[in-house]
Amino acid sequence: MNILAIETATPACAVALRTRDGVERALIVDRERHHTEALAPGVDRLLREAGIAAKSIDRVVVDRGPGLFTGLRVGLATAVGLALGASADLVAVTSLEVLALGAFSAGVRGRLVCVVDARRGELFTQSFALEDAVRALDEATVSAAGALVATWAADEGAVTFSGDGAARYAAALGEVATASFFDQIVPSPLEAIHLGATREPVTEVVPLYLREADAVANFSTRERPA
């Protein structure tokens, strides 16, 4: 199965591809929030390097957030367009679960808090238990950095923070006596492929914005444009 993954939840824009022979490639095409300009050329470059046409894609995996509003819209619209054009499956993952799987694959174990920078002094967060597998401990939420520090400072157990939000607020989160950090700024599109390879396809993707101030749009493959 040719599987393409699109990652645009953070300031970085990244893509990955697994071809039918099992070869995997990944590419960070931009790190400065130029998703609109960088994504399509990045996908084209990745497909050309693999020697396959866009119409040969069997499955498109896209990060639906939480993350930056504009980046998510660009990524979702591109994913839907590619899925339509190739009659491919469309699968959604979240930025936080991709970060969790990335940490797990690197050998991190115990409690993990994945933290995506939401700007406006806020963070998108979700907690996971990394044991024999990755297990979510709560739902994704948005909170202020100070609130996150207070929550985990009151907890006596060890915890690992990961994500671009953890890097940005490392000084504050470092006040948690039991905290450690796993450096992982961009949710890996390869990990998105690993998550999405066996996930059930969807006909509609709902962006995970988490804030009322962000507009909510559904991205669907149910109908082709006239």
C-alpha atoms as a PDB file:
ATOM      1  CA  MET A   1       0.000   0.000   0.000  1.00  0.00           C
ATOM      2  CA  ASN A   2       1.323   3.469  -0.897  1.00  0.00           C
ATOM      3  CA  ILE A   3       0.608   5.639   2.152  1.00  0.00           C
ATOM      4  CA  LEU A   4       1.206   9.399   2.234  1.00  0.00           C
ATOM      5  CA  ALA A   5       1.172  11.367   5.509  1.00  0.00           C
ATOM      6  CA  ILE A   6       0.740  15.115   5.837  1.00  0.00           C
ATOM      7  CA  GLU A   7       1.816  17.030   8.953  1.00  0.00           C
ATOM      8  CA  THR A   8       0.949  20.741   9.285  1.00  0.00           C
ATOM      9  CA  ALA A   9      -0.172  21.153  12.912  1.00  0.00           C
ATOM     10  CA  THR A  10       2.924  23.078  14.025  1.00  0.00           C
ATOM     11  CA  PRO A  11       5.027  25.804  12.347  1.00  0.00           C
ATOM     12  CA  ALA A  12       6.819  23.012  10.484  1.00  0.00           C
ATOM     13  CA  CYS A  13       5.385  21.409   7.355  1.00  0.00           C
ATOM     14  CA  ALA A  14       6.337  17.759   6.859  1.00  0.00           C
ATOM     15  CA  VAL A  15       5.361  14.813   4.679  1.00  0.00           C
ATOM     16  CA  ALA A  16       6.166  11.106   4.639  1.00  0.00           C
ATOM     17  CA  LEU A  17       5.594   8.190   2.310  1.00  0.00           C
ATOM     18  CA  ARG A  18       5.552   4.423   2.690  1.00  0.00           C
ATOM     19  CA  THR A  19       5.552   2.603  -0.643  1.00  0.00           C
ATOM     20  CA  ARG A  20       4.143  -0.820  -1.394  1.00  0.00           C
ATOM     21  CA  ASP A  21       7.590  -2.369  -1.056  1.00  0.00           C
ATOM     22  CA  GLY A  22       7.838  -1.074   2.534  1.00  0.00           C
ATOM     23  CA  VAL A  23      10.346   1.719   1.903  1.00  0.00           C
ATOM     24  CA  GLU A  24       9.702   4.807   4.040  1.00  0.00           C
ATOM     25  CA  ARG A  25      10.748   8.392   3.342  1.00  0.00           C
ATOM     26  CA  ALA A  26      10.125  11.592   5.280  1.00  0.00           C
ATOM     27  CA  LEU A  27      10.753  15.220   4.482  1.00  0.00           C
ATOM     28  CA  ILE A  28      10.443  18.435   6.495  1.00  0.00           C
ATOM     29  CA  VAL A  29       9.745  20.938   3.741  1.00  0.00           C
ATOM     30  CA  ASP A  30       9.489  24.108   5.846  1.00  0.00           C
ATOM     31  CA  ARG A  31       9.849  25.195   9.478  1.00  0.00           C
ATOM     32  CA  GLU A  32       8.504  28.750   9.325  1.00  0.00           C
ATOM     33  CA  ARG A  33       4.715  28.434   8.877  1.00  0.00           C
ATOM     34  CA  HIS A  34       4.813  28.594   5.066  1.00  0.00           C
ATOM     35  CA  HIS A  35       2.402  25.689   4.754  1.00  0.00           C
ATOM     36  CA  THR A  36       0.451  27.130   1.830  1.00  0.00           C
ATOM     37  CA  GLU A  37       3.553  27.625  -0.303  1.00  0.00           C
ATOM     38  CA  ALA A  38       5.554  24.579   0.824  1.00  0.00           C
ATOM     39  CA  LEU A  39       3.150  21.659   1.146  1.00  0.00           C
ATOM     40  CA  ALA A  40       2.230  20.875  -2.475  1.00  0.00           C
ATOM     41  CA  PRO A  41       5.832  21.138  -3.774  1.00  0.00           C
ATOM     42  CA  GLY A  42       6.942  18.979  -0.849  1.00  0.00           C
ATOM     43  CA  VAL A  43       4.437  16.258  -1.683  1.00  0.00           C
ATOM     44  CA  ASP A  44       5.459  16.418  -5.346  1.00  0.00           C
ATOM     45  CA  ARG A  45       9.144  16.115  -4.467  1.00  0.00           C
ATOM     46  CA  LEU A  46       8.545  13.136  -2.191  1.00  0.00           C
ATOM     47  CA  LEU A  47       6.492  11.297  -4.812  1.00  0.00           C
ATOM     48  CA  ARG A  48       9.057  11.999  -7.549  1.00  0.00           C
ATOM     49  CA  GLU A  49      11.883  10.694  -5.345  1.00  0.00           C
ATOM     50  CA  ALA A  50       9.892   7.500  -4.782  1.00  0.00           C
ATOM     51  CA  GLY A  51       9.041   7.217  -8.469  1.00  0.00           C
ATOM     52  CA  ILE A  52       5.274   7.017  -8.014  1.00  0.00           C
ATOM     53  CA  ALA A  53       2.420   9.130  -9.327  1.00  0.00           C
ATOM     54  CA  ALA A  54      -0.117  10.886  -7.127  1.00  0.00           C
ATOM     55  CA  LYS A  55      -2.867   8.694  -8.575  1.00  0.00           C
ATOM     56  CA  SER A  56      -1.022   5.649  -7.164  1.00  0.00           C
ATOM     57  CA  ILE A  57      -1.549   6.737  -3.565  1.00  0.00           C
ATOM     58  CA  ASP A  58      -3.720   4.189  -1.731  1.00  0.00           C
ATOM     59  CA  ARG A  59      -4.125   6.016   1.581  1.00  0.00           C
ATOM     60  CA  VAL A  60      -3.660   9.577   2.833  1.00  0.00           C
ATOM     61  CA  VAL A  61      -3.041  10.134   6.548  1.00  0.00           C
ATOM     62  CA  VAL A  62      -3.479  13.673   7.843  1.00  0.00           C
ATOM     63  CA  ASP A  63      -2.914  15.324  11.220  1.00  0.00           C
ATOM     64  CA  ARG A  64      -6.215  16.951  12.222  1.00  0.00           C
ATOM     65  CA  GLY A  65      -4.772  18.796  15.212  1.00  0.00           C
ATOM     66  CA  PRO A  66      -4.772  20.265  17.678  1.00  0.00           C
ATOM     67  CA  GLY A  67      -2.448  22.822  16.212  1.00  0.00           C
ATOM     68  CA  LEU A  68      -2.186  26.072  14.331  1.00  0.00           C
ATOM     69  CA  PHE A  69      -5.400  27.071  12.575  1.00  0.00           C
ATOM     70  CA  THR A  70      -4.037  27.967   9.138  1.00  0.00           C
ATOM     71  CA  GLY A  71      -1.665  25.020   8.965  1.00  0.00           C
ATOM     72  CA  LEU A  72      -4.423  22.555   9.786  1.00  0.00           C
ATOM     73  CA  ARG A  73      -6.733  23.954   7.127  1.00  0.00           C
ATOM     74  CA  VAL A  74      -4.001  23.742   4.473  1.00  0.00           C
ATOM     75  CA  GLY A  75      -3.075  20.200   5.453  1.00  0.00           C
ATOM     76  CA  LEU A  76      -6.648  18.954   5.573  1.00  0.00           C
ATOM     77  CA  ALA A  77      -7.646  20.562   2.276  1.00  0.00           C
ATOM     78  CA  THR A  78      -4.587  19.096   0.563  1.00  0.00           C
ATOM     79  CA  ALA A  79      -5.212  15.643   2.033  1.00  0.00           C
ATOM     80  CA  VAL A  80      -8.832  15.641   0.897  1.00  0.00           C
ATOM     81  CA  GLY A  81      -7.847  16.774  -2.595  1.00  0.00           C
ATOM     82  CA  LEU A  82      -5.210  14.049  -2.922  1.00  0.00           C
ATOM     83  CA  ALA A  83      -7.565  11.379  -1.597  1.00  0.00           C
ATOM     84  CA  LEU A  84     -10.243  12.425  -4.061  1.00  0.00           C
ATOM     85  CA  GLY A  85      -7.872  12.551  -7.002  1.00  0.00           C
ATOM     86  CA  ALA A  86      -6.423   9.106  -6.297  1.00  0.00           C
ATOM     87  CA  SER A  87      -9.655   7.506  -4.990  1.00  0.00           C
ATOM     88  CA  ALA A  88      -7.584   6.786  -1.890  1.00  0.00           C
ATOM     89  CA  ASP A  89      -8.590   6.124   1.702  1.00  0.00           C
ATOM     90  CA  LEU A  90      -8.509   9.138   4.014  1.00  0.00           C
ATOM     91  CA  VAL A  91      -7.387   8.619   7.619  1.00  0.00           C
ATOM     92  CA  ALA A  92      -7.030  11.161  10.431  1.00  0.00           C
ATOM     93  CA  VAL A  93      -4.655  11.184  13.408  1.00  0.00           C
ATOM     94  CA  THR A  94      -4.001  13.807  16.079  1.00  0.00           C
ATOM     95  CA  SER A  95      -0.779  15.703  16.676  1.00  0.00           C
ATOM     96  CA  LEU A  96      -0.701  14.624  20.320  1.00  0.00           C
ATOM     97  CA  GLU A  97      -1.044  10.904  19.659  1.00  0.00           C
ATOM     98  CA  VAL A  98       1.626  11.155  16.946  1.00  0.00           C
ATOM     99  CA  LEU A  99       3.980  12.778  19.473  1.00  0.00           C
ATOM    100  CA  ALA A 100       3.159  10.023  21.977  1.00  0.00           C
ATOM    101  CA  LEU A 101       3.979   7.288  19.476  1.00  0.00           C
ATOM    102  CA  GLY A 102       7.195   9.073  18.555  1.00  0.00           C
ATOM    103  CA  ALA A 103       8.314   9.073  22.186  1.00  0.00           C
ATOM    104  CA  PHE A 104       7.278   5.448  22.628  1.00  0.00           C
ATOM    105  CA  SER A 105       9.205   4.374  19.522  1.00  0.00           C
ATOM    106  CA  ALA A 106      12.287   6.134  20.906  1.00  0.00           C
ATOM    107  CA  GLY A 107      12.097   4.131  24.138  1.00  0.00           C
ATOM    108  CA  VAL A 108      10.379   6.594  26.483  1.00  0.00           C
ATOM    109  CA  ARG A 109       8.273   4.835  29.117  1.00  0.00           C
ATOM    110  CA  GLY A 110       6.031   5.963  31.974  1.00  0.00           C
ATOM    111  CA  ARG A 111       3.762   8.974  31.967  1.00  0.00           C
ATOM    112  CA  LEU A 112       4.111  11.357  29.052  1.00  0.00           C
ATOM    113  CA  VAL A 113       2.491  14.737  28.506  1.00  0.00           C
ATOM    114  CA  CYS A 114       2.466  15.817  24.877  1.00  0.00           C
ATOM    115  CA  VAL A 115       2.428  19.593  24.530  1.00  0.00           C
ATOM    116  CA  VAL A 116       1.760  21.554  21.332  1.00  0.00           C
ATOM    117  CA  ASP A 117       2.232  25.317  21.409  1.00  0.00           C
ATOM    118  CA  ALA A 118      -1.199  26.915  20.879  1.00  0.00           C
ATOM    119  CA  ARG A 119       0.149  30.497  20.929  1.00  0.00           C
ATOM    120  CA  ARG A 120      -1.744  33.194  22.884  1.00  0.00           C
ATOM    121  CA  GLY A 121       0.048  31.895  25.999  1.00  0.00           C
ATOM    122  CA  GLU A 122      -1.809  28.580  25.765  1.00  0.00           C
ATOM    123  CA  LEU A 123      -0.899  24.939  25.221  1.00  0.00           C
ATOM    124  CA  PHE A 124      -2.666  21.949  23.707  1.00  0.00           C
ATOM    125  CA  THR A 125      -1.954  18.966  25.940  1.00  0.00           C
ATOM    126  CA  GLN A 126      -2.800  15.313  26.465  1.00  0.00           C
ATOM    127  CA  SER A 127      -1.395  12.728  28.868  1.00  0.00           C
ATOM    128  CA  PHE A 128      -0.421   9.176  27.940  1.00  0.00           C
ATOM    129  CA  ALA A 129       0.853   6.047  29.663  1.00  0.00           C
ATOM    130  CA  LEU A 130       3.699   4.480  27.715  1.00  0.00           C
ATOM    131  CA  GLU A 131       3.912   0.851  28.801  1.00  0.00           C
ATOM    132  CA  ASP A 132       3.649  -2.133  26.464  1.00  0.00           C
ATOM    133  CA  ALA A 133       1.733   0.188  24.169  1.00  0.00           C
ATOM    134  CA  VAL A 134       0.570   3.807  24.074  1.00  0.00           C
ATOM    135  CA  ARG A 135      -2.551   4.493  26.137  1.00  0.00           C
ATOM    136  CA  ALA A 136      -4.282   7.867  26.446  1.00  0.00           C
ATOM    137  CA  LEU A 137      -4.975   8.890  30.044  1.00  0.00           C
ATOM    138  CA  ASP A 138      -7.256  11.822  29.268  1.00  0.00           C
ATOM    139  CA  GLU A 139      -8.694  13.857  26.427  1.00  0.00           C
ATOM    140  CA  ALA A 140      -6.841  16.566  24.542  1.00  0.00           C
ATOM    141  CA  THR A 141      -7.354  19.958  26.118  1.00  0.00           C
ATOM    142  CA  VAL A 142      -6.123  23.550  26.046  1.00  0.00           C
ATOM    143  CA  SER A 143      -4.620  25.243  29.090  1.00  0.00           C
ATOM    144  CA  ALA A 144      -2.282  27.993  30.191  1.00  0.00           C
ATOM    145  CA  ALA A 145       1.321  27.048  30.832  1.00  0.00           C
ATOM    146  CA  GLY A 146       1.002  28.040  34.481  1.00  0.00           C
ATOM    147  CA  ALA A 147      -1.976  25.752  34.972  1.00  0.00           C
ATOM    148  CA  LEU A 148      -0.093  22.825  33.445  1.00  0.00           C
ATOM    149  CA  VAL A 149       2.872  23.458  35.747  1.00  0.00           C
ATOM    150  CA  ALA A 150       0.584  23.658  38.793  1.00  0.00           C
ATOM    151  CA  THR A 151      -1.141  20.395  37.900  1.00  0.00           C
ATOM    152  CA  TRP A 152       2.041  18.387  37.555  1.00  0.00           C
ATOM    153  CA  ALA A 153       3.929  20.121  40.367  1.00  0.00           C
ATOM    154  CA  ALA A 154       1.256  18.777  42.722  1.00  0.00           C
ATOM    155  CA  ASP A 155       1.834  15.255  41.429  1.00  0.00           C
ATOM    156  CA  GLU A 156       4.662  13.237  42.971  1.00  0.00           C
ATOM    157  CA  GLY A 157       5.169  10.837  40.083  1.00  0.00           C
ATOM    158  CA  ALA A 158       7.704  11.097  37.292  1.00  0.00           C
ATOM    159  CA  VAL A 159       6.508  12.662  34.059  1.00  0.00           C
ATOM    160  CA  THR A 160       8.060  13.393  30.675  1.00  0.00           C
ATOM    161  CA  PHE A 161       7.085  16.420  28.590  1.00  0.00           C
ATOM    162  CA  SER A 162       7.437  16.445  24.808  1.00  0.00           C
ATOM    163  CA  GLY A 163       6.469  18.645  21.873  1.00  0.00           C
ATOM    164  CA  ASP A 164       7.154  22.166  20.646  1.00  0.00           C
ATOM    165  CA  GLY A 165       5.113  23.583  23.541  1.00  0.00           C
ATOM    166  CA  ALA A 166       7.301  21.731  26.020  1.00  0.00           C
ATOM    167  CA  ALA A 167      10.371  23.218  24.358  1.00  0.00           C
ATOM    168  CA  ARG A 168       8.964  26.747  24.382  1.00  0.00           C
ATOM    169  CA  TYR A 169       7.926  26.573  28.035  1.00  0.00           C
ATOM    170  CA  ALA A 170      10.820  24.389  29.221  1.00  0.00           C
ATOM    171  CA  ALA A 171      11.860  26.861  31.926  1.00  0.00           C
ATOM    172  CA  ALA A 172       8.390  26.878  33.489  1.00  0.00           C
ATOM    173  CA  LEU A 173       7.807  23.138  33.111  1.00  0.00           C
ATOM    174  CA  GLY A 174      11.247  22.532  34.576  1.00  0.00           C
ATOM    175  CA  GLU A 175       9.837  23.722  37.876  1.00  0.00           C
ATOM    176  CA  VAL A 176       8.085  20.363  38.125  1.00  0.00           C
ATOM    177  CA  ALA A 177      10.570  18.478  40.308  1.00  0.00           C
ATOM    178  CA  THR A 178       9.912  15.082  38.733  1.00  0.00           C
ATOM    179  CA  ALA A 179       9.895  16.284  35.133  1.00  0.00           C
ATOM    180  CA  SER A 180      12.114  15.218  32.272  1.00  0.00           C
ATOM    181  CA  PHE A 181      11.972  16.198  28.603  1.00  0.00           C
ATOM    182  CA  PHE A 182      12.011  14.279  25.348  1.00  0.00           C
ATOM    183  CA  ASP A 183      13.092  16.521  22.488  1.00  0.00           C
ATOM    184  CA  GLN A 184      10.482  16.244  19.743  1.00  0.00           C
ATOM    185  CA  ILE A 185       9.426  19.464  18.058  1.00  0.00           C
ATOM    186  CA  VAL A 186       7.607  18.179  14.977  1.00  0.00           C
ATOM    187  CA  PRO A 187       5.030  15.366  15.158  1.00  0.00           C
ATOM    188  CA  SER A 188       6.659  12.746  12.939  1.00  0.00           C
ATOM    189  CA  PRO A 189       4.797  12.053   9.677  1.00  0.00           C
ATOM    190  CA  LEU A 190       6.375   8.583   9.699  1.00  0.00           C
ATOM    191  CA  GLU A 191       4.721   7.891  13.044  1.00  0.00           C
ATOM    192  CA  ALA A 192       1.500   9.208  11.525  1.00  0.00           C
ATOM    193  CA  ILE A 193       1.847   6.525   8.838  1.00  0.00           C
ATOM    194  CA  HIS A 194       2.400   3.867  11.498  1.00  0.00           C
ATOM    195  CA  LEU A 195      -0.776   4.998  13.268  1.00  0.00           C
ATOM    196  CA  GLY A 196      -2.823   5.405  10.130  1.00  0.00           C
ATOM    197  CA  ALA A 197      -1.810   2.230   8.320  1.00  0.00           C
ATOM    198  CA  THR A 198      -4.412   0.116  10.110  1.00  0.00           C
ATOM    199  CA  ARG A 199      -6.909   2.774  11.162  1.00  0.00           C
ATOM    200  CA  GLU A 200     -10.375   2.749   9.627  1.00  0.00           C
ATOM    201  CA  PRO A 201     -10.811   5.256   6.770  1.00  0.00           C
ATOM    202  CA  VAL A 202     -13.234   8.149   7.208  1.00  0.00           C
ATOM    203  CA  THR A 203     -15.409  10.130   4.843  1.00  0.00           C
ATOM    204  CA  GLU A 204     -15.179  13.301   6.901  1.00  0.00           C
ATOM    205  CA  VAL A 205     -12.382  14.885   8.915  1.00  0.00           C
ATOM    206  CA  VAL A 206     -13.245  17.327  11.697  1.00  0.00           C
ATOM    207  CA  PRO A 207     -10.304  19.558  12.683  1.00  0.00           C
ATOM    208  CA  LEU A 208      -9.459  19.377  16.378  1.00  0.00           C
ATOM    209  CA  TYR A 209      -9.154  23.074  17.194  1.00  0.00           C
ATOM    210  CA  LEU A 210     -10.207  22.935  20.911  1.00  0.00           C
ATOM    211  CA  ARG A 211     -10.849  26.685  21.075  1.00  0.00           C
ATOM    212  CA  GLU A 212     -14.194  28.351  20.425  1.00  0.00           C
ATOM    213  CA  ALA A 213     -12.435  31.290  18.802  1.00  0.00           C
ATOM    214  CA  ASP A 214     -11.212  29.021  16.005  1.00  0.00           C
ATOM    215  CA  ALA A 215     -13.682  28.343  13.221  1.00  0.00           C
ATOM    216  CA  VAL A 216     -14.778  24.723  12.843  1.00  0.00           C
ATOM    217  CA  ALA A 217     -14.964  23.204   9.375  1.00  0.00           C
ATOM    218  CA  ASN A 218     -15.601  19.656   8.228  1.00  0.00           C
ATOM    219  CA  PHE A 219     -13.441  18.241   5.462  1.00  0.00           C
ATOM    220  CA  SER A 220     -15.215  15.527   3.529  1.00  0.00           C
ATOM    221  CA  THR A 221     -14.481  13.086   0.736  1.00  0.00           C
ATOM    222  CA  ARG A 222     -18.112  12.071   0.340  1.00  0.00           C
ATOM    223  CA  GLU A 223     -18.744  14.187  -2.743  1.00  0.00           C
ATOM    224  CA  ARG A 224     -16.457  15.167  -5.566  1.00  0.00           C
ATOM    225  CA  PRO A 225     -16.662  18.792  -6.709  1.00  0.00           C
ATOM    226  CA  ALA A 226     -18.771  19.377  -9.813  1.00  0.00           C
END
